[in-house]
Amino acid sequence: MRSGITSRGRGALGEEVGIRRATARDAKRLTRLVRTSRAYEGPYAPMVAGYRVGHDYVETHRVFVAVGETTGRLLGFYSLILDPPELDLMFVADAAQGAGIGRLLIGHLRDEAGAAGLTDVRIVSHPPAEGFYTEVGARRMGTVRAAPPAVMWDRPELVLPVA
């Protein structure tokens, strides 16, 4: 399970966590994580109901997964777009919420962005996640207006300094 691990940390639940580049074989698990996220229940549910993280997406973008090193369990993932610099997706499994996985992923994202020569990364946040992003150092820059039918609500726009 250790092959391909680019970063390691320990989640608050005590499990060693490895972060590695996602592969096309991860696509179904990433899709399931997105579609079952409790963060997208209620009025947010339509946004992810048919969402798919395809193998083509994983192969085209910088997608990284956090996995439990002893269990192989998918704990979360993120996708970084370099041009223009943006955090495209970030999800933490419901069972791993509050265990430090999101912070590990943000630390990894900062390392990846820095290695690519970026100074900051734009984040268009799911409204309930804005607090997390500000806690890890992102600053609110504005609001991205709703774009029906895909997104029915305004979203906070933030910038995350890399350094």
Protein backbone atom coordinates (compact mmCIF):
# COMPACT_ATOMS: atom_id res chain seq x y z
CA MET A 1 0.00 0.00 0.00
CA ARG A 2 2.95 2.32 0.46
CA SER A 3 3.84 2.54 -3.22
CA GLY A 4 3.39 6.00 -4.63
CA ILE A 5 2.97 7.70 -1.23
CA THR A 6 4.31 11.25 -1.53
CA SER A 7 3.47 12.50 1.95
CA ARG A 8 2.62 11.00 5.33
CA GLY A 9 0.91 12.19 8.46
CA ARG A 10 -1.19 10.96 11.32
CA GLY A 11 -4.90 11.59 11.48
CA ALA A 12 -6.43 12.60 14.82
CA LEU A 13 -7.88 9.07 15.09
CA GLY A 14 -4.30 7.71 15.30
CA GLU A 15 -4.10 6.05 11.89
CA GLU A 16 -1.08 6.71 9.69
CA VAL A 17 -2.25 8.50 6.57
CA GLY A 18 -0.46 8.49 3.24
CA ILE A 19 -1.11 10.92 0.42
CA ARG A 20 -0.46 9.74 -3.10
CA ARG A 21 -1.35 10.66 -6.65
CA ALA A 22 -4.73 9.23 -7.62
CA THR A 23 -4.93 6.68 -10.41
CA ALA A 24 -7.73 5.83 -12.81
CA ARG A 25 -8.54 2.86 -10.55
CA ASP A 26 -9.50 5.34 -7.80
CA ALA A 27 -12.19 7.05 -9.90
CA LYS A 28 -15.15 4.99 -8.68
CA ARG A 29 -14.21 5.45 -5.02
CA LEU A 30 -13.76 9.20 -5.54
CA THR A 31 -17.16 9.43 -7.22
CA ARG A 32 -18.77 7.52 -4.35
CA LEU A 33 -17.12 9.83 -1.79
CA VAL A 34 -18.51 12.90 -3.60
CA ARG A 35 -22.01 11.53 -4.09
CA THR A 36 -22.42 10.28 -0.52
CA SER A 37 -20.97 13.34 1.25
CA ARG A 38 -23.26 14.57 4.03
CA ALA A 39 -22.06 18.09 3.21
CA TYR A 40 -24.22 17.87 0.12
CA GLU A 41 -27.47 16.74 1.70
CA GLY A 42 -30.69 18.73 1.56
CA PRO A 43 -30.69 21.68 -0.82
CA TYR A 44 -27.12 20.91 -1.97
CA ALA A 45 -27.91 17.31 -3.02
CA PRO A 46 -28.75 18.04 -6.68
CA MET A 47 -25.24 19.37 -7.30
CA VAL A 48 -23.58 16.00 -6.67
CA ALA A 49 -26.41 13.58 -7.50
CA GLY A 50 -25.04 12.77 -10.94
CA TYR A 51 -21.47 13.91 -10.36
CA ARG A 52 -18.75 11.62 -11.66
CA VAL A 53 -15.02 11.73 -11.12
CA GLY A 54 -13.95 9.89 -14.25
CA HIS A 55 -10.69 8.15 -14.99
CA ASP A 56 -10.08 10.83 -17.63
CA TYR A 57 -10.37 13.56 -14.98
CA VAL A 58 -7.92 11.73 -12.70
CA GLU A 59 -5.44 11.24 -15.51
CA THR A 60 -5.68 14.87 -16.69
CA HIS A 61 -5.54 16.73 -13.35
CA ARG A 62 -3.38 16.70 -10.25
CA VAL A 63 -5.62 14.59 -8.04
CA PHE A 64 -4.25 13.31 -4.73
CA VAL A 65 -5.84 10.88 -2.29
CA ALA A 66 -5.40 10.42 1.44
CA VAL A 67 -5.52 6.76 2.42
CA GLY A 68 -5.20 4.91 5.70
CA GLU A 69 -1.87 3.12 5.43
CA THR A 70 -2.97 0.03 7.32
CA THR A 71 -6.55 -0.16 6.07
CA GLY A 72 -6.22 1.24 2.55
CA ARG A 73 -9.40 3.19 3.32
CA LEU A 74 -9.97 6.32 1.21
CA LEU A 75 -10.11 9.21 3.67
CA GLY A 76 -10.24 12.17 1.29
CA PHE A 77 -8.91 13.74 -1.87
CA TYR A 78 -8.26 17.02 -3.64
CA SER A 79 -7.68 18.21 -7.18
CA LEU A 80 -5.35 21.09 -7.98
CA ILE A 81 -5.54 22.91 -11.30
CA LEU A 82 -2.37 24.83 -12.12
CA ASP A 83 -3.52 27.26 -14.82
CA PRO A 84 -5.21 29.24 -13.48
CA PRO A 85 -4.33 28.03 -9.97
CA GLU A 86 -7.47 26.65 -8.33
CA LEU A 87 -8.55 23.98 -5.89
CA ASP A 88 -11.13 22.25 -8.07
CA LEU A 89 -12.35 19.55 -5.68
CA MET A 90 -11.71 18.65 -2.06
CA PHE A 91 -13.65 16.08 -0.09
CA VAL A 92 -13.04 14.31 3.20
CA ALA A 93 -14.95 11.11 3.96
CA ASP A 94 -17.76 11.67 6.46
CA ALA A 95 -16.25 9.16 8.91
CA ALA A 96 -12.92 11.01 8.78
CA GLN A 97 -14.33 14.53 9.33
CA GLY A 98 -12.60 16.30 12.22
CA ALA A 99 -9.64 13.89 12.21
CA GLY A 100 -7.15 16.28 10.58
CA ILE A 101 -7.38 14.78 7.08
CA GLY A 102 -8.44 18.08 5.51
CA ARG A 103 -5.45 19.84 7.09
CA LEU A 104 -3.09 17.13 5.81
CA LEU A 105 -4.54 17.54 2.32
CA ILE A 106 -4.18 21.35 2.47
CA GLY A 107 -0.56 20.97 3.59
CA HIS A 108 0.08 18.64 0.67
CA LEU A 109 -1.70 21.03 -1.71
CA ARG A 110 0.55 23.87 -0.53
CA ASP A 111 3.64 21.72 -1.14
CA GLU A 112 2.44 20.75 -4.64
CA ALA A 113 1.50 24.34 -5.51
CA GLY A 114 4.82 25.66 -4.22
CA ALA A 115 6.77 23.07 -6.22
CA ALA A 116 4.85 24.23 -9.31
CA GLY A 117 5.88 27.84 -8.64
CA LEU A 118 2.45 29.07 -7.52
CA THR A 119 2.12 31.77 -4.86
CA ASP A 120 -1.58 31.28 -4.12
CA VAL A 121 -4.54 29.10 -5.05
CA ARG A 122 -8.12 30.21 -5.66
CA ILE A 123 -10.90 28.34 -3.85
CA VAL A 124 -14.57 28.61 -4.71
CA SER A 125 -15.96 27.02 -1.59
CA HIS A 126 -19.05 25.03 -0.79
CA PRO A 127 -20.70 27.50 1.64
CA PRO A 128 -20.55 25.20 4.73
CA ALA A 129 -16.80 24.62 4.12
CA GLU A 130 -15.80 28.29 4.19
CA GLY A 131 -14.92 28.15 7.90
CA PHE A 132 -12.50 25.29 7.34
CA TYR A 133 -10.71 27.14 4.56
CA THR A 134 -10.35 30.32 6.62
CA GLU A 135 -9.02 28.23 9.54
CA VAL A 136 -6.22 26.90 7.30
CA GLY A 137 -5.27 30.41 6.15
CA ALA A 138 -7.46 31.23 3.15
CA ARG A 139 -8.77 34.79 2.87
CA ARG A 140 -12.21 35.71 1.56
CA MET A 141 -11.94 37.63 -1.71
CA GLY A 142 -15.56 37.83 -2.79
CA THR A 143 -18.57 35.84 -3.88
CA VAL A 144 -19.22 33.74 -6.96
CA ARG A 145 -22.87 34.17 -7.87
CA ALA A 146 -25.21 31.24 -8.41
CA ALA A 147 -25.19 29.73 -11.90
CA PRO A 148 -28.45 27.79 -12.31
CA PRO A 149 -29.17 25.05 -13.05
CA ALA A 150 -25.78 23.60 -12.01
CA VAL A 151 -25.26 25.69 -8.87
CA MET A 152 -28.30 27.26 -7.22
CA TRP A 153 -26.53 29.25 -4.49
CA ASP A 154 -23.81 31.89 -4.14
CA ARG A 155 -20.40 30.57 -3.09
CA PRO A 156 -17.55 32.19 -1.18
CA GLU A 157 -14.43 32.92 -3.22
CA LEU A 158 -11.19 32.67 -1.27
CA VAL A 159 -7.46 32.69 -1.92
CA LEU A 160 -5.06 30.36 -0.13
CA PRO A 161 -1.47 31.60 0.14
CA VAL A 162 0.99 28.84 -0.71
CA ALA A 163 3.90 29.97 1.46
